[in-house]
Amino acid sequence: MKVSLHPAAENDLIEAASFYELEGSAALATRFIATFKRVATLLAEQPNIGLPRTRGR
């Protein structure tokens, strides 16, 4: 499975990283993006991970 982001979600990710860099540090922004990529990769590799909560979600 391939991960793709809606353009608005991609903008949100960029804005969040910019905020973390401005309010924290470049290292914090880098860790934020790295964590996002790690989780996105995990979800792409194991799309059925976890348990459905309600209404099949």
Protein backbone atom coordinates (compact mmCIF):
# COMPACT_ATOMS: atom_id res chain seq x y z
CA MET A 1 0.00 0.00 0.00
CA LYS A 2 1.22 3.51 -0.77
CA VAL A 3 0.69 6.49 1.51
CA SER A 4 -0.63 9.65 -0.09
CA LEU A 5 -1.72 12.83 1.60
CA HIS A 6 -4.52 15.15 0.68
CA PRO A 7 -2.98 18.53 -0.22
CA ALA A 8 -4.66 20.14 2.81
CA ALA A 9 -3.23 17.46 5.11
CA GLU A 10 0.21 17.99 3.60
CA ASN A 11 -0.11 21.73 4.28
CA ASP A 12 -1.13 20.98 7.87
CA LEU A 13 1.94 18.77 8.29
CA ILE A 14 4.22 21.50 6.94
CA GLU A 15 2.58 24.14 9.14
CA ALA A 16 2.95 21.93 12.22
CA ALA A 17 6.62 21.29 11.48
CA SER A 18 7.18 25.02 10.99
CA PHE A 19 5.49 25.73 14.33
CA TYR A 20 7.65 23.15 16.12
CA GLU A 21 10.76 24.63 14.54
CA LEU A 22 9.78 28.20 15.49
CA GLU A 23 8.56 27.43 19.02
CA GLY A 24 10.94 24.57 19.77
CA SER A 25 13.89 23.78 17.56
CA ALA A 26 14.87 22.43 14.17
CA ALA A 27 15.59 19.11 15.89
CA LEU A 28 12.03 18.98 17.26
CA ALA A 29 10.57 19.67 13.81
CA THR A 30 12.78 16.97 12.32
CA ARG A 31 11.67 14.45 14.96
CA PHE A 32 8.03 15.35 14.30
CA ILE A 33 8.37 14.68 10.56
CA ALA A 34 10.39 11.50 11.17
CA THR A 35 7.71 10.20 13.55
CA PHE A 36 4.98 10.97 11.04
CA LYS A 37 6.88 9.10 8.31
CA ARG A 38 7.50 6.13 10.63
CA VAL A 39 3.83 5.84 11.55
CA ALA A 40 2.69 6.33 7.95
CA THR A 41 5.04 3.55 6.85
CA LEU A 42 3.78 1.27 9.62
CA LEU A 43 0.16 1.88 8.59
CA ALA A 44 0.98 1.28 4.92
CA GLU A 45 2.74 -1.99 5.73
CA GLN A 46 0.06 -3.17 8.19
CA PRO A 47 -3.25 -1.55 7.20
CA ASN A 48 -5.27 -3.85 9.46
CA ILE A 49 -3.31 -3.00 12.60
CA GLY A 50 -5.43 -2.26 15.63
CA LEU A 51 -9.10 -2.91 16.26
CA PRO A 52 -12.16 -1.22 14.77
CA ARG A 53 -13.78 1.15 17.28
CA THR A 54 -17.27 2.00 16.04
CA ARG A 55 -19.11 1.61 12.77
CA GLY A 56 -16.15 -0.23 11.24
CA ARG A 57 -13.64 2.55 11.77
